[in-house]
Amino acid sequence: MVAFYELREMPRLRKRPSTSELIDWISVLKQAGLGKERFVKELPFLGVLLKKEQDVETYRAQKRGTWRA
């Protein structure tokens, strides 16, 4: 849930994730049976939350520290 709200607060996203994307993401996470340790390294199934490839790249750039406001 924290990751979802952090994404919603990110500036420069073209389409912020909605409740629908959150429900879809939780469903995919449950089906995959991922453990908490996976979330430390990455945000799994990011494409379920962020529908636009540009938003995925914006997120990754910010995580790498190369994002510019």
PDB file of N, CA and C in Angstrom:
ATOM      1  N   MET A   1       0.827  -1.195   0.000  1.00  0.00           N
ATOM      2  CA  MET A   1       0.000   0.000   0.000  1.00  0.00           C
ATOM      3  C   MET A   1       0.870   1.258   0.000  1.00  0.00           C
ATOM      4  N   VAL A   2       1.969   1.205   0.747  1.00  0.00           N
ATOM      5  CA  VAL A   2       2.862   2.368   0.805  1.00  0.00           C
ATOM      6  C   VAL A   2       3.392   2.685  -0.587  1.00  0.00           C
ATOM      7  N   ALA A   3       3.806   1.660  -1.322  1.00  0.00           N
ATOM      8  CA  ALA A   3       4.340   1.860  -2.671  1.00  0.00           C
ATOM      9  C   ALA A   3       3.293   2.510  -3.577  1.00  0.00           C
ATOM     10  N   PHE A   4       2.057   2.096  -3.447  1.00  0.00           N
ATOM     11  CA  PHE A   4       0.976   2.660  -4.258  1.00  0.00           C
ATOM     12  C   PHE A   4       0.822   4.153  -3.984  1.00  0.00           C
ATOM     13  N   TYR A   5       0.790   4.530  -2.714  1.00  0.00           N
ATOM     14  CA  TYR A   5       0.623   5.946  -2.383  1.00  0.00           C
ATOM     15  C   TYR A   5       1.848   6.771  -2.741  1.00  0.00           C
ATOM     16  N   GLU A   6       3.035   6.168  -2.663  1.00  0.00           N
ATOM     17  CA  GLU A   6       4.239   6.883  -3.102  1.00  0.00           C
ATOM     18  C   GLU A   6       4.178   7.150  -4.603  1.00  0.00           C
ATOM     19  N   LEU A   7       3.719   6.173  -5.362  1.00  0.00           N
ATOM     20  CA  LEU A   7       3.568   6.373  -6.802  1.00  0.00           C
ATOM     21  C   LEU A   7       2.557   7.471  -7.106  1.00  0.00           C
ATOM     22  N   ARG A   8       1.467   7.475  -6.382  1.00  0.00           N
ATOM     23  CA  ARG A   8       0.434   8.500  -6.613  1.00  0.00           C
ATOM     24  C   ARG A   8       0.951   9.910  -6.350  1.00  0.00           C
ATOM     25  N   GLU A   9       1.926  10.033  -5.457  1.00  0.00           N
ATOM     26  CA  GLU A   9       2.470  11.345  -5.108  1.00  0.00           C
ATOM     27  C   GLU A   9       3.623  11.776  -6.007  1.00  0.00           C
ATOM     28  N   MET A  10       4.107  10.885  -6.858  1.00  0.00           N
ATOM     29  CA  MET A  10       5.231  11.219  -7.731  1.00  0.00           C
ATOM     30  C   MET A  10       4.839  12.296  -8.729  1.00  0.00           C
ATOM     31  N   PRO A  11       5.651  13.337  -8.816  1.00  0.00           N
ATOM     32  CA  PRO A  11       5.379  14.348  -9.845  1.00  0.00           C
ATOM     33  C   PRO A  11       5.735  13.798 -11.228  1.00  0.00           C
ATOM     34  N   ARG A  12       5.194  14.399 -12.250  1.00  0.00           N
ATOM     35  CA  ARG A  12       5.519  14.123 -13.644  1.00  0.00           C
ATOM     36  C   ARG A  12       4.968  12.816 -14.189  1.00  0.00           C
ATOM     37  N   LEU A  13       4.113  12.131 -13.459  1.00  0.00           N
ATOM     38  CA  LEU A  13       3.461  10.957 -14.035  1.00  0.00           C
ATOM     39  C   LEU A  13       2.319  11.427 -14.919  1.00  0.00           C
ATOM     40  N   ARG A  14       2.170  10.820 -16.054  1.00  0.00           N
ATOM     41  CA  ARG A  14       1.083  11.209 -16.954  1.00  0.00           C
ATOM     42  C   ARG A  14      -0.251  10.657 -16.472  1.00  0.00           C
ATOM     43  N   LYS A  15      -0.215   9.423 -15.934  1.00  0.00           N
ATOM     44  CA  LYS A  15      -1.438   8.821 -15.403  1.00  0.00           C
ATOM     45  C   LYS A  15      -1.109   8.169 -14.066  1.00  0.00           C
ATOM     46  N   ARG A  16      -1.559   8.786 -13.014  1.00  0.00           N
ATOM     47  CA  ARG A  16      -1.314   8.238 -11.684  1.00  0.00           C
ATOM     48  C   ARG A  16      -2.152   6.969 -11.491  1.00  0.00           C
ATOM     49  N   PRO A  17      -1.601   5.993 -10.766  1.00  0.00           N
ATOM     50  CA  PRO A  17      -2.374   4.767 -10.553  1.00  0.00           C
ATOM     51  C   PRO A  17      -3.645   5.034  -9.753  1.00  0.00           C
ATOM     52  N   SER A  18      -4.717   4.390 -10.157  1.00  0.00           N
ATOM     53  CA  SER A  18      -6.006   4.555  -9.485  1.00  0.00           C
ATOM     54  C   SER A  18      -6.301   3.327  -8.630  1.00  0.00           C
ATOM     55  N   THR A  19      -7.445   3.349  -7.978  1.00  0.00           N
ATOM     56  CA  THR A  19      -7.866   2.219  -7.154  1.00  0.00           C
ATOM     57  C   THR A  19      -7.971   0.955  -7.989  1.00  0.00           C
ATOM     58  N   SER A  20      -8.407   1.074  -9.217  1.00  0.00           N
ATOM     59  CA  SER A  20      -8.515  -0.078 -10.105  1.00  0.00           C
ATOM     60  C   SER A  20      -7.151  -0.736 -10.312  1.00  0.00           C
ATOM     61  N   GLU A  21      -6.127   0.074 -10.572  1.00  0.00           N
ATOM     62  CA  GLU A  21      -4.778  -0.471 -10.727  1.00  0.00           C
ATOM     63  C   GLU A  21      -4.283  -1.108  -9.432  1.00  0.00           C
ATOM     64  N   LEU A  22      -4.626  -0.521  -8.294  1.00  0.00           N
ATOM     65  CA  LEU A  22      -4.233  -1.093  -7.003  1.00  0.00           C
ATOM     66  C   LEU A  22      -4.846  -2.477  -6.823  1.00  0.00           C
ATOM     67  N   ILE A  23      -6.123  -2.619  -7.123  1.00  0.00           N
ATOM     68  CA  ILE A  23      -6.802  -3.910  -6.993  1.00  0.00           C
ATOM     69  C   ILE A  23      -6.171  -4.935  -7.933  1.00  0.00           C
ATOM     70  N   ASP A  24      -5.906  -4.533  -9.176  1.00  0.00           N
ATOM     71  CA  ASP A  24      -5.261  -5.436 -10.129  1.00  0.00           C
ATOM     72  C   ASP A  24      -3.879  -5.855  -9.637  1.00  0.00           C
ATOM     73  N   TRP A  25      -3.107  -4.907  -9.101  1.00  0.00           N
ATOM     74  CA  TRP A  25      -1.753  -5.172  -8.622  1.00  0.00           C
ATOM     75  C   TRP A  25      -1.770  -6.161  -7.457  1.00  0.00           C
ATOM     76  N   ILE A  26      -2.666  -5.953  -6.515  1.00  0.00           N
ATOM     77  CA  ILE A  26      -2.774  -6.868  -5.373  1.00  0.00           C
ATOM     78  C   ILE A  26      -3.123  -8.274  -5.856  1.00  0.00           C
ATOM     79  N   SER A  27      -4.014  -8.365  -6.816  1.00  0.00           N
ATOM     80  CA  SER A  27      -4.395  -9.662  -7.365  1.00  0.00           C
ATOM     81  C   SER A  27      -3.190 -10.367  -7.995  1.00  0.00           C
ATOM     82  N   VAL A  28      -2.412  -9.647  -8.782  1.00  0.00           N
ATOM     83  CA  VAL A  28      -1.229 -10.224  -9.419  1.00  0.00           C
ATOM     84  C   VAL A  28      -0.206 -10.642  -8.369  1.00  0.00           C
ATOM     85  N   LEU A  29      -0.008  -9.819  -7.349  1.00  0.00           N
ATOM     86  CA  LEU A  29       0.945 -10.153  -6.290  1.00  0.00           C
ATOM     87  C   LEU A  29       0.528 -11.427  -5.558  1.00  0.00           C
ATOM     88  N   LYS A  30      -0.759 -11.560  -5.286  1.00  0.00           N
ATOM     89  CA  LYS A  30      -1.258 -12.756  -4.610  1.00  0.00           C
ATOM     90  C   LYS A  30      -1.052 -13.996  -5.479  1.00  0.00           C
ATOM     91  N   GLN A  31      -1.348 -13.876  -6.755  1.00  0.00           N
ATOM     92  CA  GLN A  31      -1.195 -15.005  -7.668  1.00  0.00           C
ATOM     93  C   GLN A  31       0.266 -15.426  -7.800  1.00  0.00           C
ATOM     94  N   ALA A  32       1.165 -14.454  -7.764  1.00  0.00           N
ATOM     95  CA  ALA A  32       2.597 -14.746  -7.915  1.00  0.00           C
ATOM     96  C   ALA A  32       3.206 -15.294  -6.633  1.00  0.00           C
ATOM     97  N   GLY A  33       2.558 -15.045  -5.501  1.00  0.00           N
ATOM     98  CA  GLY A  33       3.055 -15.541  -4.224  1.00  0.00           C
ATOM     99  C   GLY A  33       4.401 -14.954  -3.817  1.00  0.00           C
ATOM    100  N   LEU A  34       4.594 -13.679  -4.080  1.00  0.00           N
ATOM    101  CA  LEU A  34       5.871 -13.031  -3.771  1.00  0.00           C
ATOM    102  C   LEU A  34       6.008 -12.729  -2.286  1.00  0.00           C
ATOM    103  N   GLY A  35       7.228 -12.825  -1.802  1.00  0.00           N
ATOM    104  CA  GLY A  35       7.515 -12.486  -0.411  1.00  0.00           C
ATOM    105  C   GLY A  35       7.927 -11.033  -0.270  1.00  0.00           C
ATOM    106  N   LYS A  36       7.977 -10.573   0.963  1.00  0.00           N
ATOM    107  CA  LYS A  36       8.330  -9.175   1.249  1.00  0.00           C
ATOM    108  C   LYS A  36       9.725  -8.809   0.768  1.00  0.00           C
ATOM    109  N   GLU A  37      10.641  -9.773   0.767  1.00  0.00           N
ATOM    110  CA  GLU A  37      12.019  -9.483   0.390  1.00  0.00           C
ATOM    111  C   GLU A  37      12.134  -8.981  -1.047  1.00  0.00           C
ATOM    112  N   ARG A  38      11.225  -9.340  -1.897  1.00  0.00           N
ATOM    113  CA  ARG A  38      11.249  -8.879  -3.300  1.00  0.00           C
ATOM    114  C   ARG A  38      11.003  -7.378  -3.384  1.00  0.00           C
ATOM    115  N   PHE A  39      10.243  -6.835  -2.453  1.00  0.00           N
ATOM    116  CA  PHE A  39       9.920  -5.412  -2.480  1.00  0.00           C
ATOM    117  C   PHE A  39      11.104  -4.543  -2.083  1.00  0.00           C
ATOM    118  N   VAL A  40      12.079  -5.118  -1.413  1.00  0.00           N
ATOM    119  CA  VAL A  40      13.266  -4.359  -1.020  1.00  0.00           C
ATOM    120  C   VAL A  40      14.094  -4.020  -2.253  1.00  0.00           C
ATOM    121  N   LYS A  41      14.174  -4.951  -3.187  1.00  0.00           N
ATOM    122  CA  LYS A  41      14.999  -4.784  -4.377  1.00  0.00           C
ATOM    123  C   LYS A  41      14.303  -4.013  -5.486  1.00  0.00           C
ATOM    124  N   GLU A  42      13.029  -4.234  -5.632  1.00  0.00           N
ATOM    125  CA  GLU A  42      12.294  -3.638  -6.745  1.00  0.00           C
ATOM    126  C   GLU A  42      10.803  -3.602  -6.436  1.00  0.00           C
ATOM    127  N   LEU A  43      10.079  -2.920  -7.282  1.00  0.00           N
ATOM    128  CA  LEU A  43       8.629  -2.900  -7.188  1.00  0.00           C
ATOM    129  C   LEU A  43       8.104  -3.854  -8.259  1.00  0.00           C
ATOM    130  N   PRO A  44       7.700  -5.073  -7.863  1.00  0.00           N
ATOM    131  CA  PRO A  44       7.310  -6.072  -8.860  1.00  0.00           C
ATOM    132  C   PRO A  44       6.029  -5.704  -9.604  1.00  0.00           C
ATOM    133  N   PHE A  45       5.988  -6.126 -10.847  1.00  0.00           N
ATOM    134  CA  PHE A  45       4.811  -5.919 -11.704  1.00  0.00           C
ATOM    135  C   PHE A  45       4.422  -4.444 -11.795  1.00  0.00           C
ATOM    136  N   LEU A  46       5.431  -3.621 -11.982  1.00  0.00           N
ATOM    137  CA  LEU A  46       5.231  -2.168 -12.048  1.00  0.00           C
ATOM    138  C   LEU A  46       4.266  -1.784 -13.169  1.00  0.00           C
ATOM    139  N   GLY A  47       4.288  -2.535 -14.257  1.00  0.00           N
ATOM    140  CA  GLY A  47       3.415  -2.234 -15.386  1.00  0.00           C
ATOM    141  C   GLY A  47       1.935  -2.376 -15.082  1.00  0.00           C
ATOM    142  N   VAL A  48       1.605  -3.069 -14.013  1.00  0.00           N
ATOM    143  CA  VAL A  48       0.201  -3.180 -13.613  1.00  0.00           C
ATOM    144  C   VAL A  48      -0.253  -1.870 -12.970  1.00  0.00           C
ATOM    145  N   LEU A  49       0.648  -1.214 -12.267  1.00  0.00           N
ATOM    146  CA  LEU A  49       0.309   0.055 -11.608  1.00  0.00           C
ATOM    147  C   LEU A  49       0.440   1.248 -12.549  1.00  0.00           C
ATOM    148  N   LEU A  50       1.479   1.241 -13.349  1.00  0.00           N
ATOM    149  CA  LEU A  50       1.732   2.355 -14.264  1.00  0.00           C
ATOM    150  C   LEU A  50       1.465   1.877 -15.688  1.00  0.00           C
ATOM    151  N   LYS A  51       0.435   2.403 -16.292  1.00  0.00           N
ATOM    152  CA  LYS A  51      -0.005   1.924 -17.596  1.00  0.00           C
ATOM    153  C   LYS A  51       0.805   2.500 -18.752  1.00  0.00           C
ATOM    154  N   LYS A  52       1.421   3.644 -18.561  1.00  0.00           N
ATOM    155  CA  LYS A  52       2.169   4.286 -19.638  1.00  0.00           C
ATOM    156  C   LYS A  52       3.659   4.008 -19.479  1.00  0.00           C
ATOM    157  N   GLU A  53       4.289   3.589 -20.573  1.00  0.00           N
ATOM    158  CA  GLU A  53       5.724   3.275 -20.538  1.00  0.00           C
ATOM    159  C   GLU A  53       6.545   4.490 -20.091  1.00  0.00           C
ATOM    160  N   GLN A  54       6.116   5.681 -20.482  1.00  0.00           N
ATOM    161  CA  GLN A  54       6.808   6.901 -20.066  1.00  0.00           C
ATOM    162  C   GLN A  54       6.792   7.036 -18.542  1.00  0.00           C
ATOM    163  N   ASP A  55       5.701   6.661 -17.904  1.00  0.00           N
ATOM    164  CA  ASP A  55       5.613   6.719 -16.446  1.00  0.00           C
ATOM    165  C   ASP A  55       6.533   5.689 -15.792  1.00  0.00           C
ATOM    166  N   VAL A  56       6.642   4.517 -16.410  1.00  0.00           N
ATOM    167  CA  VAL A  56       7.554   3.495 -15.890  1.00  0.00           C
ATOM    168  C   VAL A  56       8.984   4.019 -15.947  1.00  0.00           C
ATOM    169  N   GLU A  57       9.350   4.646 -17.057  1.00  0.00           N
ATOM    170  CA  GLU A  57      10.696   5.202 -17.195  1.00  0.00           C
ATOM    171  C   GLU A  57      10.929   6.354 -16.212  1.00  0.00           C
ATOM    172  N   THR A  58       9.920   7.181 -15.988  1.00  0.00           N
ATOM    173  CA  THR A  58      10.030   8.269 -15.005  1.00  0.00           C
ATOM    174  C   THR A  58      10.283   7.701 -13.622  1.00  0.00           C
ATOM    175  N   TYR A  59       9.558   6.664 -13.258  1.00  0.00           N
ATOM    176  CA  TYR A  59       9.745   6.014 -11.955  1.00  0.00           C
ATOM    177  C   TYR A  59      11.161   5.454 -11.837  1.00  0.00           C
ATOM    178  N   ARG A  60      11.600   4.737 -12.852  1.00  0.00           N
ATOM    179  CA  ARG A  60      12.944   4.130 -12.801  1.00  0.00           C
ATOM    180  C   ARG A  60      14.036   5.184 -12.727  1.00  0.00           C
ATOM    181  N   ALA A  61      13.871   6.267 -13.466  1.00  0.00           N
ATOM    182  CA  ALA A  61      14.864   7.344 -13.425  1.00  0.00           C
ATOM    183  C   ALA A  61      14.927   7.957 -12.034  1.00  0.00           C
ATOM    184  N   GLN A  62      13.789   8.129 -11.401  1.00  0.00           N
ATOM    185  CA  GLN A  62      13.776   8.704 -10.055  1.00  0.00           C
ATOM    186  C   GLN A  62      14.458   7.757  -9.071  1.00  0.00           C
ATOM    187  N   LYS A  63      14.214   6.464  -9.210  1.00  0.00           N
ATOM    188  CA  LYS A  63      14.841   5.485  -8.309  1.00  0.00           C
ATOM    189  C   LYS A  63      16.356   5.426  -8.510  1.00  0.00           C
ATOM    190  N   ARG A  64      16.799   5.640  -9.763  1.00  0.00           N
ATOM    191  CA  ARG A  64      18.244   5.645 -10.045  1.00  0.00           C
ATOM    192  C   ARG A  64      18.889   6.949  -9.612  1.00  0.00           C
ATOM    193  N   GLY A  65      18.066   7.953  -9.349  1.00  0.00           N
ATOM    194  CA  GLY A  65      18.609   9.255  -8.970  1.00  0.00           C
ATOM    195  C   GLY A  65      18.950  10.133 -10.161  1.00  0.00           C
ATOM    196  N   THR A  66      18.454   9.764 -11.339  1.00  0.00           N
ATOM    197  CA  THR A  66      18.744  10.560 -12.532  1.00  0.00           C
ATOM    198  C   THR A  66      17.552  11.386 -12.983  1.00  0.00           C
ATOM    199  N   TRP A  67      16.501  11.372 -12.189  1.00  0.00           N
ATOM    200  CA  TRP A  67      15.281  12.103 -12.544  1.00  0.00           C
ATOM    201  C   TRP A  67      15.493  13.578 -12.306  1.00  0.00           C
ATOM    202  N   ARG A  68      14.988  14.386 -13.221  1.00  0.00           N
ATOM    203  CA  ARG A  68      15.094  15.851 -13.095  1.00  0.00           C
ATOM    204  C   ARG A  68      13.706  16.450 -13.026  1.00  0.00           C
ATOM    205  N   ALA A  69      13.499  17.339 -12.091  1.00  0.00           N
ATOM    206  CA  ALA A  69      12.189  18.000 -11.939  1.00  0.00           C
ATOM    207  C   ALA A  69      11.927  18.976 -13.056  1.00  0.00           C
TER     208      ALA A  69
END
